[in-house]
Amino acid sequence: MPLPPRLALSEAKAKRIKMAVGCSCELCGESRALPELEIHHVPMPGRPPTRRKLDLQSLILVVCPRCHHDLHVFSVPLADQRELIAYRPYRMKQAIRAVLGYRPKPYIPPDDFDPATVFETLDRSAWGFGV
C-alpha cells in the first residue's frame, strides 16, 4: 500500500534513499543499479500516517523487484518488516532521516526535575554501591 500523496517521495529523494542504503536490497543484500531498486512502504497499523511526529524512515524499505514481489505475494507480517527497519545500522537511519528532512522534537526537561531526589530514589544496591 503506497503512502498517501502528502507523504509520497519525490524521485530525487527516492534516489538519495537508495544510495543511503548502499545501492543494495535490504532483504537479500544483493547490489543493484539505482533504477532497479524499489521503495516498499510499510503501513502503520491503526491510524493513518501524518507528517507531524512521524519518522518516515521507519515506514520504508529499499528492496529489489524480486523481494518487493515476495513481500506482497507472501504477505510478510508487518512485525517482520518493522524488525528489518529496527535493525538498520544507525548511520543508515541517520542518512535516510536527513534525506527525508526529519527533525526530532527538541527535548525540554521538566521544570520540577531534581537530580538529587531521583538519585535517592534509586535502589543503590542495583548500582553496586552496597546498602
N, C-alpha and C. Protein backbone atom coordinates (compact mmCIF):
# COMPACT_ATOMS: atom_id res chain seq x y z
N MET A 1 0.84 -1.16 0.00
CA MET A 1 0.00 0.00 0.00
C MET A 1 0.89 1.24 0.00
N PRO A 2 0.75 2.12 -0.98
CA PRO A 2 1.60 3.31 -1.02
C PRO A 2 1.20 4.32 0.05
N LEU A 3 2.13 5.20 0.34
CA LEU A 3 1.83 6.27 1.29
C LEU A 3 0.83 7.22 0.67
N PRO A 4 0.07 7.92 1.50
CA PRO A 4 -0.83 8.94 0.97
C PRO A 4 -0.03 9.98 0.19
N PRO A 5 -0.66 10.65 -0.79
CA PRO A 5 0.08 11.62 -1.63
C PRO A 5 0.85 12.66 -0.83
N ARG A 6 0.32 13.09 0.31
CA ARG A 6 1.02 14.14 1.07
C ARG A 6 2.33 13.63 1.68
N LEU A 7 2.52 12.30 1.71
CA LEU A 7 3.74 11.72 2.25
C LEU A 7 4.61 11.06 1.18
N ALA A 8 4.20 11.13 -0.08
CA ALA A 8 4.92 10.46 -1.16
C ALA A 8 6.32 11.04 -1.34
N LEU A 9 7.23 10.19 -1.83
CA LEU A 9 8.61 10.60 -2.05
C LEU A 9 8.80 11.10 -3.47
N SER A 10 9.60 12.14 -3.63
CA SER A 10 9.97 12.60 -4.97
C SER A 10 11.01 11.64 -5.53
N GLU A 11 11.22 11.69 -6.83
CA GLU A 11 12.22 10.83 -7.47
C GLU A 11 13.62 11.12 -6.92
N ALA A 12 13.91 12.38 -6.67
CA ALA A 12 15.23 12.75 -6.15
C ALA A 12 15.45 12.18 -4.75
N LYS A 13 14.42 12.27 -3.89
CA LYS A 13 14.56 11.72 -2.54
C LYS A 13 14.67 10.20 -2.59
N ALA A 14 13.89 9.56 -3.45
CA ALA A 14 13.95 8.10 -3.56
C ALA A 14 15.35 7.67 -3.98
N LYS A 15 15.94 8.39 -4.93
CA LYS A 15 17.28 8.06 -5.40
C LYS A 15 18.30 8.21 -4.26
N ARG A 16 18.20 9.29 -3.48
CA ARG A 16 19.13 9.52 -2.38
C ARG A 16 18.96 8.47 -1.28
N ILE A 17 17.72 8.02 -1.05
CA ILE A 17 17.49 6.97 -0.05
C ILE A 17 18.12 5.66 -0.51
N LYS A 18 17.97 5.34 -1.79
CA LYS A 18 18.57 4.12 -2.33
C LYS A 18 20.09 4.17 -2.19
N MET A 19 20.67 5.35 -2.39
CA MET A 19 22.12 5.50 -2.22
C MET A 19 22.51 5.38 -0.75
N ALA A 20 21.64 5.85 0.16
CA ALA A 20 21.92 5.79 1.59
C ALA A 20 22.00 4.36 2.11
N VAL A 21 21.29 3.43 1.47
CA VAL A 21 21.34 2.02 1.89
C VAL A 21 22.41 1.25 1.13
N GLY A 22 23.24 1.95 0.39
CA GLY A 22 24.35 1.31 -0.29
C GLY A 22 23.99 0.65 -1.61
N CYS A 23 22.93 1.11 -2.25
CA CYS A 23 22.50 0.58 -3.56
C CYS A 23 22.30 -0.93 -3.52
N SER A 24 21.76 -1.42 -2.41
CA SER A 24 21.50 -2.86 -2.31
C SER A 24 20.16 -3.09 -1.65
N CYS A 25 19.63 -4.28 -1.88
CA CYS A 25 18.34 -4.67 -1.31
C CYS A 25 18.52 -4.90 0.19
N GLU A 26 17.62 -4.35 0.99
CA GLU A 26 17.72 -4.52 2.44
C GLU A 26 17.27 -5.91 2.89
N LEU A 27 16.65 -6.68 2.01
CA LEU A 27 16.24 -8.04 2.37
C LEU A 27 17.29 -9.06 1.99
N CYS A 28 17.64 -9.12 0.71
CA CYS A 28 18.57 -10.16 0.27
C CYS A 28 20.01 -9.67 0.22
N GLY A 29 20.23 -8.36 0.28
CA GLY A 29 21.58 -7.81 0.28
C GLY A 29 22.22 -7.71 -1.10
N GLU A 30 21.49 -8.05 -2.14
CA GLU A 30 22.03 -8.02 -3.49
C GLU A 30 22.20 -6.58 -3.98
N SER A 31 23.39 -6.28 -4.51
CA SER A 31 23.64 -4.94 -5.07
C SER A 31 22.93 -4.81 -6.40
N ARG A 32 22.33 -3.66 -6.62
CA ARG A 32 21.58 -3.40 -7.85
C ARG A 32 21.87 -1.98 -8.32
N ALA A 33 21.57 -1.73 -9.58
CA ALA A 33 21.63 -0.36 -10.10
C ALA A 33 20.47 0.42 -9.49
N LEU A 34 20.65 1.72 -9.30
CA LEU A 34 19.61 2.53 -8.66
C LEU A 34 18.23 2.38 -9.30
N PRO A 35 18.11 2.41 -10.64
CA PRO A 35 16.77 2.30 -11.23
C PRO A 35 16.09 0.96 -10.96
N GLU A 36 16.87 -0.07 -10.63
CA GLU A 36 16.29 -1.38 -10.38
C GLU A 36 15.74 -1.53 -8.97
N LEU A 37 16.20 -0.70 -8.04
CA LEU A 37 15.72 -0.79 -6.66
C LEU A 37 14.37 -0.10 -6.53
N GLU A 38 13.57 -0.59 -5.58
CA GLU A 38 12.24 -0.05 -5.35
C GLU A 38 12.08 0.29 -3.88
N ILE A 39 11.19 1.25 -3.62
CA ILE A 39 10.88 1.63 -2.25
C ILE A 39 9.58 0.92 -1.86
N HIS A 40 9.67 0.12 -0.78
CA HIS A 40 8.48 -0.57 -0.26
C HIS A 40 7.99 0.21 0.96
N HIS A 41 6.71 0.56 0.96
CA HIS A 41 6.11 1.30 2.07
C HIS A 41 5.49 0.31 3.06
N VAL A 42 5.91 0.41 4.30
CA VAL A 42 5.40 -0.45 5.37
C VAL A 42 4.25 0.30 6.04
N PRO A 43 3.02 -0.22 5.95
CA PRO A 43 1.89 0.51 6.53
C PRO A 43 1.94 0.54 8.05
N MET A 44 1.39 1.60 8.60
CA MET A 44 1.27 1.72 10.05
C MET A 44 -0.07 1.15 10.47
N PRO A 45 -0.10 0.31 11.49
CA PRO A 45 -1.39 -0.22 11.92
C PRO A 45 -2.18 0.81 12.72
N GLY A 46 -3.47 0.78 12.57
CA GLY A 46 -4.32 1.58 13.43
C GLY A 46 -4.67 2.96 12.96
N ARG A 47 -3.69 3.78 12.67
CA ARG A 47 -4.01 5.17 12.33
C ARG A 47 -3.31 5.57 11.05
N PRO A 48 -3.89 6.49 10.29
CA PRO A 48 -3.23 6.95 9.07
C PRO A 48 -2.01 7.80 9.41
N PRO A 49 -0.94 7.65 8.65
CA PRO A 49 0.27 8.43 8.96
C PRO A 49 0.10 9.90 8.62
N THR A 50 0.73 10.74 9.41
CA THR A 50 0.79 12.17 9.13
C THR A 50 2.25 12.57 9.18
N ARG A 51 2.58 13.66 8.54
CA ARG A 51 3.97 14.09 8.52
C ARG A 51 4.41 14.59 9.89
N ARG A 52 3.50 15.14 10.68
CA ARG A 52 3.86 15.58 12.03
C ARG A 52 4.16 14.38 12.91
N LYS A 53 5.20 14.49 13.71
CA LYS A 53 5.56 13.47 14.69
C LYS A 53 5.80 12.09 14.08
N LEU A 54 6.22 12.04 12.84
CA LEU A 54 6.40 10.75 12.18
C LEU A 54 7.80 10.65 11.60
N ASP A 55 8.49 9.60 11.94
CA ASP A 55 9.81 9.32 11.40
C ASP A 55 9.60 8.45 10.17
N LEU A 56 9.57 9.06 8.99
CA LEU A 56 9.26 8.34 7.77
C LEU A 56 10.25 7.23 7.45
N GLN A 57 11.48 7.31 7.94
CA GLN A 57 12.45 6.24 7.65
C GLN A 57 11.98 4.92 8.23
N SER A 58 11.09 4.98 9.24
CA SER A 58 10.59 3.75 9.84
C SER A 58 9.44 3.14 9.05
N LEU A 59 9.09 3.75 7.92
CA LEU A 59 7.99 3.24 7.10
C LEU A 59 8.42 2.75 5.73
N ILE A 60 9.74 2.72 5.46
CA ILE A 60 10.17 2.33 4.12
C ILE A 60 11.30 1.30 4.17
N LEU A 61 11.32 0.47 3.16
CA LEU A 61 12.41 -0.48 2.92
C LEU A 61 12.84 -0.32 1.47
N VAL A 62 14.13 -0.42 1.22
CA VAL A 62 14.64 -0.40 -0.15
C VAL A 62 14.89 -1.85 -0.54
N VAL A 63 14.19 -2.30 -1.58
CA VAL A 63 14.24 -3.71 -1.97
C VAL A 63 14.39 -3.87 -3.48
N CYS A 64 14.88 -5.04 -3.87
CA CYS A 64 14.96 -5.38 -5.30
C CYS A 64 13.54 -5.80 -5.76
N PRO A 65 13.29 -5.83 -7.06
CA PRO A 65 11.95 -6.20 -7.55
C PRO A 65 11.49 -7.58 -7.08
N ARG A 66 12.40 -8.56 -7.03
CA ARG A 66 12.02 -9.90 -6.60
C ARG A 66 11.56 -9.90 -5.14
N CYS A 67 12.32 -9.25 -4.27
CA CYS A 67 11.95 -9.19 -2.85
C CYS A 67 10.67 -8.37 -2.65
N HIS A 68 10.50 -7.29 -3.44
CA HIS A 68 9.30 -6.48 -3.33
C HIS A 68 8.07 -7.32 -3.70
N HIS A 69 8.21 -8.10 -4.75
CA HIS A 69 7.13 -9.00 -5.16
C HIS A 69 6.82 -9.99 -4.04
N ASP A 70 7.86 -10.59 -3.47
CA ASP A 70 7.68 -11.57 -2.40
C ASP A 70 7.01 -10.95 -1.16
N LEU A 71 7.37 -9.71 -0.83
CA LEU A 71 6.76 -9.05 0.32
C LEU A 71 5.24 -8.96 0.16
N HIS A 72 4.80 -8.67 -1.07
CA HIS A 72 3.37 -8.52 -1.32
C HIS A 72 2.67 -9.85 -1.54
N VAL A 73 3.26 -10.74 -2.30
CA VAL A 73 2.61 -12.01 -2.63
C VAL A 73 2.52 -12.94 -1.42
N PHE A 74 3.59 -13.01 -0.63
CA PHE A 74 3.60 -13.92 0.50
C PHE A 74 3.13 -13.25 1.80
N SER A 75 2.66 -12.03 1.71
CA SER A 75 2.12 -11.30 2.86
C SER A 75 3.02 -11.42 4.09
N VAL A 76 4.23 -10.91 3.96
CA VAL A 76 5.18 -10.93 5.07
C VAL A 76 4.58 -10.10 6.22
N PRO A 77 4.52 -10.66 7.43
CA PRO A 77 3.92 -9.93 8.55
C PRO A 77 4.57 -8.57 8.78
N LEU A 78 3.75 -7.59 9.14
CA LEU A 78 4.25 -6.24 9.38
C LEU A 78 5.30 -6.22 10.48
N ALA A 79 5.15 -7.07 11.47
CA ALA A 79 6.12 -7.12 12.57
C ALA A 79 7.51 -7.50 12.03
N ASP A 80 7.56 -8.41 11.08
CA ASP A 80 8.84 -8.81 10.49
C ASP A 80 9.44 -7.68 9.67
N GLN A 81 8.60 -6.96 8.94
CA GLN A 81 9.08 -5.83 8.15
C GLN A 81 9.62 -4.73 9.06
N ARG A 82 8.91 -4.46 10.14
CA ARG A 82 9.35 -3.44 11.09
C ARG A 82 10.65 -3.85 11.79
N GLU A 83 10.82 -5.14 12.01
CA GLU A 83 12.05 -5.62 12.64
C GLU A 83 13.26 -5.36 11.74
N LEU A 84 13.08 -5.56 10.44
CA LEU A 84 14.16 -5.25 9.50
C LEU A 84 14.56 -3.78 9.59
N ILE A 85 13.57 -2.93 9.69
CA ILE A 85 13.83 -1.49 9.78
C ILE A 85 14.49 -1.17 11.12
N ALA A 86 14.04 -1.79 12.18
CA ALA A 86 14.58 -1.51 13.51
C ALA A 86 16.06 -1.86 13.61
N TYR A 87 16.50 -2.90 12.89
CA TYR A 87 17.90 -3.34 12.96
C TYR A 87 18.78 -2.72 11.87
N ARG A 88 18.25 -1.72 11.19
CA ARG A 88 19.04 -0.98 10.22
C ARG A 88 20.19 -0.29 10.95
N PRO A 89 21.40 -0.26 10.38
CA PRO A 89 22.51 0.42 11.05
C PRO A 89 22.18 1.89 11.34
N TYR A 90 22.66 2.38 12.47
CA TYR A 90 22.36 3.75 12.92
C TYR A 90 22.71 4.79 11.87
N ARG A 91 23.89 4.66 11.27
CA ARG A 91 24.30 5.66 10.26
C ARG A 91 23.37 5.66 9.05
N MET A 92 22.86 4.50 8.70
CA MET A 92 21.93 4.39 7.59
C MET A 92 20.61 5.09 7.95
N LYS A 93 20.14 4.87 9.17
CA LYS A 93 18.92 5.54 9.63
C LYS A 93 19.10 7.05 9.57
N GLN A 94 20.24 7.53 10.07
CA GLN A 94 20.51 8.96 10.07
C GLN A 94 20.56 9.53 8.65
N ALA A 95 21.17 8.79 7.73
CA ALA A 95 21.26 9.25 6.35
C ALA A 95 19.87 9.35 5.72
N ILE A 96 19.03 8.36 5.97
CA ILE A 96 17.67 8.37 5.41
C ILE A 96 16.87 9.51 6.04
N ARG A 97 17.01 9.69 7.35
CA ARG A 97 16.31 10.79 8.01
C ARG A 97 16.73 12.14 7.44
N ALA A 98 18.01 12.29 7.14
CA ALA A 98 18.50 13.55 6.57
C ALA A 98 17.86 13.80 5.21
N VAL A 99 17.76 12.75 4.39
CA VAL A 99 17.13 12.89 3.07
C VAL A 99 15.67 13.30 3.23
N LEU A 100 14.99 12.71 4.20
CA LEU A 100 13.56 12.97 4.39
C LEU A 100 13.28 14.26 5.15
N GLY A 101 14.32 14.90 5.65
CA GLY A 101 14.14 16.16 6.37
C GLY A 101 13.53 15.99 7.74
N TYR A 102 13.79 14.84 8.37
CA TYR A 102 13.24 14.56 9.70
C TYR A 102 13.90 15.46 10.73
N ARG A 103 13.08 16.10 11.54
CA ARG A 103 13.58 16.94 12.61
C ARG A 103 12.94 16.46 13.92
N PRO A 104 13.73 15.84 14.79
CA PRO A 104 13.14 15.36 16.04
C PRO A 104 12.68 16.54 16.90
N LYS A 105 11.67 16.28 17.68
CA LYS A 105 11.16 17.28 18.60
C LYS A 105 12.24 17.56 19.64
N PRO A 106 12.52 18.84 19.94
CA PRO A 106 13.56 19.12 20.93
C PRO A 106 13.14 18.65 22.32
N TYR A 107 14.11 18.15 23.06
CA TYR A 107 13.85 17.69 24.42
C TYR A 107 13.87 18.87 25.37
N ILE A 108 12.83 18.99 26.15
CA ILE A 108 12.75 20.04 27.17
C ILE A 108 12.54 19.33 28.50
N PRO A 109 13.53 19.43 29.40
CA PRO A 109 13.38 18.73 30.69
C PRO A 109 12.25 19.35 31.51
N PRO A 110 11.65 18.55 32.37
CA PRO A 110 10.57 19.08 33.20
C PRO A 110 11.10 20.15 34.16
N ASP A 111 10.22 21.08 34.53
CA ASP A 111 10.62 22.18 35.42
C ASP A 111 10.93 21.69 36.82
N ASP A 112 10.27 20.63 37.27
CA ASP A 112 10.42 20.17 38.64
C ASP A 112 11.47 19.07 38.79
N PHE A 113 12.40 18.99 37.87
CA PHE A 113 13.43 17.95 37.88
C PHE A 113 14.48 18.25 38.94
N ASP A 114 14.69 17.32 39.86
CA ASP A 114 15.71 17.46 40.90
C ASP A 114 16.58 16.21 40.89
N PRO A 115 17.79 16.29 40.35
CA PRO A 115 18.65 15.11 40.26
C PRO A 115 18.90 14.43 41.61
N ALA A 116 19.02 15.18 42.68
CA ALA A 116 19.30 14.59 44.00
C ALA A 116 18.15 13.69 44.43
N THR A 117 16.93 14.12 44.18
CA THR A 117 15.75 13.32 44.55
C THR A 117 15.71 12.04 43.73
N VAL A 118 15.99 12.15 42.45
CA VAL A 118 15.98 10.97 41.58
C VAL A 118 17.04 9.98 42.04
N PHE A 119 18.23 10.45 42.36
CA PHE A 119 19.31 9.58 42.78
C PHE A 119 18.97 8.87 44.09
N GLU A 120 18.35 9.58 45.01
CA GLU A 120 18.00 8.98 46.30
C GLU A 120 16.95 7.89 46.15
N THR A 121 16.08 8.00 45.16
CA THR A 121 15.02 7.01 44.98
C THR A 121 15.51 5.75 44.29
N LEU A 122 16.69 5.78 43.70
CA LEU A 122 17.21 4.59 43.04
C LEU A 122 17.60 3.54 44.07
N ASP A 123 17.49 2.31 43.66
CA ASP A 123 17.95 1.22 44.50
C ASP A 123 19.47 1.21 44.43
N ARG A 124 20.11 1.69 45.46
CA ARG A 124 21.56 1.85 45.43
C ARG A 124 22.28 0.52 45.27
N SER A 125 21.72 -0.57 45.75
CA SER A 125 22.38 -1.86 45.60
C SER A 125 22.40 -2.31 44.14
N ALA A 126 21.42 -1.86 43.37
CA ALA A 126 21.39 -2.23 41.95
C ALA A 126 22.55 -1.58 41.19
N TRP A 127 23.05 -0.49 41.72
CA TRP A 127 24.16 0.20 41.08
C TRP A 127 25.51 -0.26 41.60
N GLY A 128 25.52 -1.19 42.51
CA GLY A 128 26.77 -1.70 43.03
C GLY A 128 27.38 -0.86 44.13
N PHE A 129 26.58 0.02 44.75
CA PHE A 129 27.10 0.87 45.83
C PHE A 129 27.00 0.20 47.18
N GLY A 130 26.32 -0.92 47.25
CA GLY A 130 26.10 -1.56 48.55
C GLY A 130 24.92 -0.93 49.27
N VAL A 131 24.58 -1.48 50.37
CA VAL A 131 23.41 -0.95 51.11
C VAL A 131 23.84 -0.35 52.43
